[in-house]
Amino acid sequence: MPPLNATWDVYKYALNEFGNPVRVNKLRITHGGGWGRLASTGTSFSYTINNDTFKRKRKDDEKKPPTEQNTKRRRNRDGTEEEDQSGTRNGVEFTREGYAKWDFPWSITANYSFNYGYGAFDYKKLEYKGRWTHNLSLTATVRPTRNWNISASASYDFENHKIAYMNCTISRLMHCFEMSASFVPVGPYKSYNFHIAVKSSILQDVKYDKHSSYSNGVTW
């Protein structure tokens, strides 16, 4: 259970000589305002799912003792034995049948938070109005191959009922080079950035960068 923090205001408010609201040295409990008023509170939640979340172990692996999995031969269900060809060769992981293992790691993380605090000032009641704010953000990553990586993140504005921010990034390792491209397709900060460079630190100045600016304008 995430923590829930709260702040209480035990003083009254009044207007100064400029007509602005200020806290005064008057306790609410002695001036008919109760012992205190909730000034702020909030909490947040986060949850992540990935390709291992719904994965179930194979019944054959659960029944096998750990020592048998490390042998060079494995026993089939019909009682025959077969060579175990699992392992890693030339940086590629193979299954027990000798096929290259295809791994497709992905993850999605959702973050939600809500907060309560003071909003606009009510000059008739000489109190601040309460205001609730919500925030929802999503982050997703996927790696279709060992050298490709794709990620995206976005946040939603509940007050204006629209996507407030979104960022997408694609990166690729190419032997001696590395490449990355990112772009922000929505919101007031639309932009893009492209980068390719040599991975070696000795040749770190061998690179090419291309990015947007206010002068060239992004209008998608």
C-alpha atoms as a PDB file:
ATOM      1  CA  MET A   1       0.000   0.000   0.000  1.00  0.00           C
ATOM      2  CA  PRO A   2       1.580   3.320  -1.052  1.00  0.00           C
ATOM      3  CA  PRO A   3       1.982   5.963   1.670  1.00  0.00           C
ATOM      4  CA  LEU A   4      -0.610   8.714   2.001  1.00  0.00           C
ATOM      5  CA  ASN A   5       0.771  12.035   3.231  1.00  0.00           C
ATOM      6  CA  ALA A   6      -1.349  14.920   4.489  1.00  0.00           C
ATOM      7  CA  THR A   7      -0.813  18.504   5.694  1.00  0.00           C
ATOM      8  CA  TRP A   8      -3.299  20.358   7.894  1.00  0.00           C
ATOM      9  CA  ASP A   9      -3.735  24.124   8.135  1.00  0.00           C
ATOM     10  CA  VAL A  10      -4.710  25.320  11.650  1.00  0.00           C
ATOM     11  CA  TYR A  11      -4.657  29.091  10.987  1.00  0.00           C
ATOM     12  CA  LYS A  12      -7.160  31.529   9.476  1.00  0.00           C
ATOM     13  CA  TYR A  13      -6.648  33.837   6.470  1.00  0.00           C
ATOM     14  CA  ALA A  14      -7.294  37.533   5.914  1.00  0.00           C
ATOM     15  CA  LEU A  15      -6.506  40.223   3.342  1.00  0.00           C
ATOM     16  CA  ASN A  16      -3.534  42.532   3.746  1.00  0.00           C
ATOM     17  CA  GLU A  17      -3.409  46.214   2.827  1.00  0.00           C
ATOM     18  CA  PHE A  18      -2.874  45.277  -0.833  1.00  0.00           C
ATOM     19  CA  GLY A  19      -5.903  42.977  -0.907  1.00  0.00           C
ATOM     20  CA  ASN A  20      -3.842  39.803  -1.068  1.00  0.00           C
ATOM     21  CA  PRO A  21      -4.635  36.760   1.104  1.00  0.00           C
ATOM     22  CA  VAL A  22      -2.221  36.087   3.972  1.00  0.00           C
ATOM     23  CA  ARG A  23      -2.195  33.680   6.876  1.00  0.00           C
ATOM     24  CA  VAL A  24      -2.861  35.426  10.197  1.00  0.00           C
ATOM     25  CA  ASN A  25      -2.086  34.462  13.769  1.00  0.00           C
ATOM     26  CA  LYS A  26      -5.602  33.209  14.526  1.00  0.00           C
ATOM     27  CA  LEU A  27      -6.209  29.555  15.276  1.00  0.00           C
ATOM     28  CA  ARG A  28      -9.200  28.008  13.539  1.00  0.00           C
ATOM     29  CA  ILE A  29     -10.247  26.159  16.664  1.00  0.00           C
ATOM     30  CA  THR A  30     -10.696  29.431  18.572  1.00  0.00           C
ATOM     31  CA  HIS A  31     -12.483  31.269  15.737  1.00  0.00           C
ATOM     32  CA  GLY A  32     -15.153  28.758  14.731  1.00  0.00           C
ATOM     33  CA  GLY A  33     -13.162  27.076  11.991  1.00  0.00           C
ATOM     34  CA  GLY A  34     -12.637  23.662  13.560  1.00  0.00           C
ATOM     35  CA  TRP A  35      -9.319  22.356  14.763  1.00  0.00           C
ATOM     36  CA  GLY A  36      -7.807  22.365  11.253  1.00  0.00           C
ATOM     37  CA  ARG A  37      -8.377  22.122   7.510  1.00  0.00           C
ATOM     38  CA  LEU A  38      -6.841  19.680   5.076  1.00  0.00           C
ATOM     39  CA  ALA A  39      -4.319  21.689   3.072  1.00  0.00           C
ATOM     40  CA  SER A  40      -2.705  18.982   0.947  1.00  0.00           C
ATOM     41  CA  THR A  41      -2.600  15.225   0.501  1.00  0.00           C
ATOM     42  CA  GLY A  42      -1.794  12.752  -2.205  1.00  0.00           C
ATOM     43  CA  THR A  43      -0.364   9.389  -3.148  1.00  0.00           C
ATOM     44  CA  SER A  44       0.808   7.491  -6.199  1.00  0.00           C
ATOM     45  CA  PHE A  45       0.628   3.977  -7.636  1.00  0.00           C
ATOM     46  CA  SER A  46       2.952   2.170 -10.005  1.00  0.00           C
ATOM     47  CA  TYR A  47       2.623  -1.208 -11.697  1.00  0.00           C
ATOM     48  CA  THR A  48       4.796  -2.982 -14.265  1.00  0.00           C
ATOM     49  CA  ILE A  49       4.040  -5.935 -16.503  1.00  0.00           C
ATOM     50  CA  ASN A  50       6.486  -7.646 -18.841  1.00  0.00           C
ATOM     51  CA  ASN A  51       6.963 -10.844 -20.812  1.00  0.00           C
ATOM     52  CA  ASP A  52       7.670 -12.769 -17.587  1.00  0.00           C
ATOM     53  CA  THR A  53       4.474 -11.653 -15.838  1.00  0.00           C
ATOM     54  CA  PHE A  54       2.215 -14.287 -17.404  1.00  0.00           C
ATOM     55  CA  LYS A  55       4.883 -16.869 -18.135  1.00  0.00           C
ATOM     56  CA  ARG A  56       4.386 -20.323 -16.675  1.00  0.00           C
ATOM     57  CA  LYS A  57       7.089 -22.858 -16.135  1.00  0.00           C
ATOM     58  CA  ARG A  58       6.942 -25.957 -18.262  1.00  0.00           C
ATOM     59  CA  LYS A  59       5.735 -28.970 -16.336  1.00  0.00           C
ATOM     60  CA  ASP A  60       8.723 -30.964 -17.585  1.00  0.00           C
ATOM     61  CA  ASP A  61      11.133 -28.414 -16.092  1.00  0.00           C
ATOM     62  CA  GLU A  62       9.284 -28.406 -12.762  1.00  0.00           C
ATOM     63  CA  LYS A  63       9.533 -32.173 -12.447  1.00  0.00           C
ATOM     64  CA  LYS A  64      13.182 -32.417 -13.444  1.00  0.00           C
ATOM     65  CA  PRO A  65      15.791 -32.246 -10.689  1.00  0.00           C
ATOM     66  CA  PRO A  66      18.283 -29.385 -11.096  1.00  0.00           C
ATOM     67  CA  THR A  67      21.201 -31.731 -11.743  1.00  0.00           C
ATOM     68  CA  GLU A  68      19.516 -33.358 -14.725  1.00  0.00           C
ATOM     69  CA  GLN A  69      19.122 -30.055 -16.526  1.00  0.00           C
ATOM     70  CA  ASN A  70      22.896 -29.673 -16.649  1.00  0.00           C
ATOM     71  CA  THR A  71      23.582 -33.019 -18.337  1.00  0.00           C
ATOM     72  CA  LYS A  72      24.511 -33.381 -21.987  1.00  0.00           C
ATOM     73  CA  ARG A  73      21.597 -35.743 -22.685  1.00  0.00           C
ATOM     74  CA  ARG A  74      17.936 -35.428 -21.829  1.00  0.00           C
ATOM     75  CA  ARG A  75      15.203 -38.034 -21.559  1.00  0.00           C
ATOM     76  CA  ASN A  76      12.056 -37.650 -23.643  1.00  0.00           C
ATOM     77  CA  ARG A  77       8.580 -38.619 -22.474  1.00  0.00           C
ATOM     78  CA  ASP A  78       8.679 -41.885 -24.425  1.00  0.00           C
ATOM     79  CA  GLY A  79      11.803 -42.948 -22.548  1.00  0.00           C
ATOM     80  CA  THR A  80      14.311 -42.316 -25.338  1.00  0.00           C
ATOM     81  CA  GLU A  81      17.340 -40.115 -24.783  1.00  0.00           C
ATOM     82  CA  GLU A  82      18.372 -37.181 -26.908  1.00  0.00           C
ATOM     83  CA  GLU A  83      21.388 -34.919 -26.919  1.00  0.00           C
ATOM     84  CA  ASP A  84      20.883 -31.611 -25.139  1.00  0.00           C
ATOM     85  CA  GLN A  85      22.118 -28.915 -27.517  1.00  0.00           C
ATOM     86  CA  SER A  86      21.332 -25.926 -25.304  1.00  0.00           C
ATOM     87  CA  GLY A  87      23.959 -23.326 -24.556  1.00  0.00           C
ATOM     88  CA  THR A  88      25.530 -20.224 -26.034  1.00  0.00           C
ATOM     89  CA  ARG A  89      27.657 -20.293 -29.171  1.00  0.00           C
ATOM     90  CA  ASN A  90      29.086 -17.213 -30.881  1.00  0.00           C
ATOM     91  CA  GLY A  91      26.982 -14.984 -28.656  1.00  0.00           C
ATOM     92  CA  VAL A  92      23.723 -16.736 -29.645  1.00  0.00           C
ATOM     93  CA  GLU A  93      21.711 -18.744 -27.122  1.00  0.00           C
ATOM     94  CA  PHE A  94      20.288 -22.085 -28.300  1.00  0.00           C
ATOM     95  CA  THR A  95      17.444 -24.233 -26.994  1.00  0.00           C
ATOM     96  CA  ARG A  96      17.818 -27.890 -26.012  1.00  0.00           C
ATOM     97  CA  GLU A  97      16.707 -28.873 -29.528  1.00  0.00           C
ATOM     98  CA  GLY A  98      19.500 -26.798 -31.107  1.00  0.00           C
ATOM     99  CA  TYR A  99      17.356 -23.924 -32.372  1.00  0.00           C
ATOM    100  CA  ALA A 100      18.393 -20.311 -31.851  1.00  0.00           C
ATOM    101  CA  LYS A 101      16.407 -18.969 -28.930  1.00  0.00           C
ATOM    102  CA  TRP A 102      14.198 -16.042 -29.887  1.00  0.00           C
ATOM    103  CA  ASP A 103      13.842 -13.587 -27.051  1.00  0.00           C
ATOM    104  CA  PHE A 104      11.407 -10.676 -27.225  1.00  0.00           C
ATOM    105  CA  PRO A 105      11.634  -8.747 -23.939  1.00  0.00           C
ATOM    106  CA  TRP A 106       9.041  -6.026 -23.362  1.00  0.00           C
ATOM    107  CA  SER A 107       7.639  -4.101 -20.430  1.00  0.00           C
ATOM    108  CA  ILE A 108       4.863  -1.609 -19.724  1.00  0.00           C
ATOM    109  CA  THR A 109       4.864   0.578 -16.619  1.00  0.00           C
ATOM    110  CA  ALA A 110       1.870   2.632 -15.521  1.00  0.00           C
ATOM    111  CA  ASN A 111       2.165   5.399 -12.938  1.00  0.00           C
ATOM    112  CA  TYR A 112      -0.876   7.126 -11.482  1.00  0.00           C
ATOM    113  CA  SER A 113      -0.910   9.842  -8.839  1.00  0.00           C
ATOM    114  CA  PHE A 114      -3.536  12.125  -7.357  1.00  0.00           C
ATOM    115  CA  ASN A 115      -3.040  15.147  -5.144  1.00  0.00           C
ATOM    116  CA  TYR A 116      -5.226  17.593  -3.281  1.00  0.00           C
ATOM    117  CA  GLY A 117      -4.148  21.134  -2.473  1.00  0.00           C
ATOM    118  CA  TYR A 118      -5.146  24.747  -2.347  1.00  0.00           C
ATOM    119  CA  GLY A 119      -6.469  26.311  -5.542  1.00  0.00           C
ATOM    120  CA  ALA A 120      -7.975  29.751  -6.095  1.00  0.00           C
ATOM    121  CA  PHE A 121      -8.780  31.979  -3.123  1.00  0.00           C
ATOM    122  CA  ASP A 122     -12.428  32.586  -2.182  1.00  0.00           C
ATOM    123  CA  TYR A 123     -12.569  36.264  -1.167  1.00  0.00           C
ATOM    124  CA  LYS A 124     -16.058  35.906   0.299  1.00  0.00           C
ATOM    125  CA  LYS A 125     -15.262  33.032   2.637  1.00  0.00           C
ATOM    126  CA  LEU A 126     -11.616  34.104   3.066  1.00  0.00           C
ATOM    127  CA  GLU A 127     -10.549  30.521   2.357  1.00  0.00           C
ATOM    128  CA  TYR A 128      -8.679  28.752  -0.385  1.00  0.00           C
ATOM    129  CA  LYS A 129     -10.741  26.451  -2.557  1.00  0.00           C
ATOM    130  CA  GLY A 130      -9.703  22.831  -2.679  1.00  0.00           C
ATOM    131  CA  ARG A 131      -8.340  21.452  -5.947  1.00  0.00           C
ATOM    132  CA  TRP A 132      -7.734  17.851  -7.050  1.00  0.00           C
ATOM    133  CA  THR A 133      -5.095  17.019  -9.662  1.00  0.00           C
ATOM    134  CA  HIS A 134      -4.491  13.673 -11.363  1.00  0.00           C
ATOM    135  CA  ASN A 135      -1.580  12.403 -13.407  1.00  0.00           C
ATOM    136  CA  LEU A 136      -1.275   9.230 -15.472  1.00  0.00           C
ATOM    137  CA  SER A 137       1.893   8.263 -17.306  1.00  0.00           C
ATOM    138  CA  LEU A 138       2.804   5.166 -19.313  1.00  0.00           C
ATOM    139  CA  THR A 139       6.224   3.884 -20.304  1.00  0.00           C
ATOM    140  CA  ALA A 140       6.724   0.995 -22.727  1.00  0.00           C
ATOM    141  CA  THR A 141       9.914  -0.664 -23.922  1.00  0.00           C
ATOM    142  CA  VAL A 142      10.468  -3.474 -26.389  1.00  0.00           C
ATOM    143  CA  ARG A 143      13.572  -5.159 -27.779  1.00  0.00           C
ATOM    144  CA  PRO A 144      12.666  -7.114 -30.939  1.00  0.00           C
ATOM    145  CA  THR A 145      16.285  -8.190 -31.422  1.00  0.00           C
ATOM    146  CA  ARG A 146      19.453  -8.000 -29.384  1.00  0.00           C
ATOM    147  CA  ASN A 147      20.607  -4.805 -31.134  1.00  0.00           C
ATOM    148  CA  TRP A 148      17.281  -2.977 -31.440  1.00  0.00           C
ATOM    149  CA  ASN A 149      15.598  -1.116 -28.618  1.00  0.00           C
ATOM    150  CA  ILE A 150      12.331   0.829 -28.858  1.00  0.00           C
ATOM    151  CA  SER A 151      10.771   2.837 -26.040  1.00  0.00           C
ATOM    152  CA  ALA A 152       7.931   5.310 -25.652  1.00  0.00           C
ATOM    153  CA  SER A 153       6.486   7.323 -22.802  1.00  0.00           C
ATOM    154  CA  ALA A 154       3.410   9.502 -22.495  1.00  0.00           C
ATOM    155  CA  SER A 155       1.424  11.386 -19.870  1.00  0.00           C
ATOM    156  CA  TYR A 156      -2.248  12.355 -19.861  1.00  0.00           C
ATOM    157  CA  ASP A 157      -3.668  15.701 -18.744  1.00  0.00           C
ATOM    158  CA  PHE A 158      -6.975  15.058 -16.946  1.00  0.00           C
ATOM    159  CA  GLU A 159      -7.752  18.751 -16.627  1.00  0.00           C
ATOM    160  CA  ASN A 160      -7.613  19.468 -20.367  1.00  0.00           C
ATOM    161  CA  HIS A 161      -8.509  15.900 -21.420  1.00  0.00           C
ATOM    162  CA  LYS A 162      -5.620  15.371 -23.801  1.00  0.00           C
ATOM    163  CA  ILE A 163      -2.138  13.873 -24.041  1.00  0.00           C
ATOM    164  CA  ALA A 164       0.215  16.322 -22.385  1.00  0.00           C
ATOM    165  CA  TYR A 165       3.539  14.814 -23.444  1.00  0.00           C
ATOM    166  CA  MET A 166       4.862  11.936 -25.543  1.00  0.00           C
ATOM    167  CA  ASN A 167       8.386  10.836 -26.372  1.00  0.00           C
ATOM    168  CA  CYS A 168       9.522   7.970 -28.616  1.00  0.00           C
ATOM    169  CA  THR A 169      13.070   6.629 -28.909  1.00  0.00           C
ATOM    170  CA  ILE A 170      14.617   4.046 -31.239  1.00  0.00           C
ATOM    171  CA  SER A 171      18.205   2.872 -30.870  1.00  0.00           C
ATOM    172  CA  ARG A 172      20.305   0.412 -32.849  1.00  0.00           C
ATOM    173  CA  LEU A 173      23.760  -1.091 -32.309  1.00  0.00           C
ATOM    174  CA  MET A 174      25.621  -1.648 -35.597  1.00  0.00           C
ATOM    175  CA  HIS A 175      28.904  -3.387 -34.826  1.00  0.00           C
ATOM    176  CA  CYS A 176      31.245  -0.384 -34.617  1.00  0.00           C
ATOM    177  CA  PHE A 177      28.496   2.231 -34.694  1.00  0.00           C
ATOM    178  CA  GLU A 178      25.527   3.124 -32.557  1.00  0.00           C
ATOM    179  CA  MET A 179      22.479   5.013 -33.712  1.00  0.00           C
ATOM    180  CA  SER A 180      19.568   6.617 -31.873  1.00  0.00           C
ATOM    181  CA  ALA A 181      16.556   8.647 -32.940  1.00  0.00           C
ATOM    182  CA  SER A 182      13.942  10.288 -30.748  1.00  0.00           C
ATOM    183  CA  PHE A 183      10.965  12.515 -31.396  1.00  0.00           C
ATOM    184  CA  VAL A 184       8.172  14.279 -29.529  1.00  0.00           C
ATOM    185  CA  PRO A 185       5.081  14.150 -31.804  1.00  0.00           C
ATOM    186  CA  VAL A 186       2.533  16.031 -29.682  1.00  0.00           C
ATOM    187  CA  GLY A 187       2.396  18.972 -27.315  1.00  0.00           C
ATOM    188  CA  PRO A 188       4.063  22.373 -27.373  1.00  0.00           C
ATOM    189  CA  TYR A 189       7.561  20.847 -27.433  1.00  0.00           C
ATOM    190  CA  LYS A 190       7.406  18.956 -30.741  1.00  0.00           C
ATOM    191  CA  SER A 191      10.934  18.022 -31.733  1.00  0.00           C
ATOM    192  CA  TYR A 192      13.184  15.341 -33.171  1.00  0.00           C
ATOM    193  CA  ASN A 193      16.783  14.278 -32.717  1.00  0.00           C
ATOM    194  CA  PHE A 194      19.006  11.888 -34.679  1.00  0.00           C
ATOM    195  CA  HIS A 195      22.463  10.692 -33.616  1.00  0.00           C
ATOM    196  CA  ILE A 196      24.946   8.225 -35.094  1.00  0.00           C
ATOM    197  CA  ALA A 197      28.508   7.783 -33.885  1.00  0.00           C
ATOM    198  CA  VAL A 198      31.426   5.382 -33.578  1.00  0.00           C
ATOM    199  CA  LYS A 199      31.285   3.376 -30.346  1.00  0.00           C
ATOM    200  CA  SER A 200      35.005   3.571 -29.717  1.00  0.00           C
ATOM    201  CA  SER A 201      35.965   6.252 -27.212  1.00  0.00           C
ATOM    202  CA  ILE A 202      39.087   7.002 -29.261  1.00  0.00           C
ATOM    203  CA  LEU A 203      36.929   8.086 -32.208  1.00  0.00           C
ATOM    204  CA  GLN A 204      34.181   9.741 -30.190  1.00  0.00           C
ATOM    205  CA  ASP A 205      34.336  12.840 -32.419  1.00  0.00           C
ATOM    206  CA  VAL A 206      33.330  10.783 -35.472  1.00  0.00           C
ATOM    207  CA  LYS A 207      29.585  11.357 -35.312  1.00  0.00           C
ATOM    208  CA  TYR A 208      26.629  12.951 -37.043  1.00  0.00           C
ATOM    209  CA  ASP A 209      23.800  14.799 -35.268  1.00  0.00           C
ATOM    210  CA  LYS A 210      20.604  16.226 -36.660  1.00  0.00           C
ATOM    211  CA  HIS A 211      17.938  17.827 -34.526  1.00  0.00           C
ATOM    212  CA  SER A 212      15.056  20.244 -34.758  1.00  0.00           C
ATOM    213  CA  SER A 213      15.056  23.805 -33.525  1.00  0.00           C
ATOM    214  CA  TYR A 214      12.693  26.732 -33.281  1.00  0.00           C
ATOM    215  CA  SER A 215      14.144  28.105 -36.521  1.00  0.00           C
ATOM    216  CA  ASN A 216      13.257  25.126 -38.750  1.00  0.00           C
ATOM    217  CA  GLY A 217       9.939  24.431 -36.964  1.00  0.00           C
ATOM    218  CA  VAL A 218       8.250  21.068 -36.520  1.00  0.00           C
ATOM    219  CA  THR A 219       4.677  21.129 -37.803  1.00  0.00           C
ATOM    220  CA  TRP A 220       3.466  17.504 -37.752  1.00  0.00           C
END
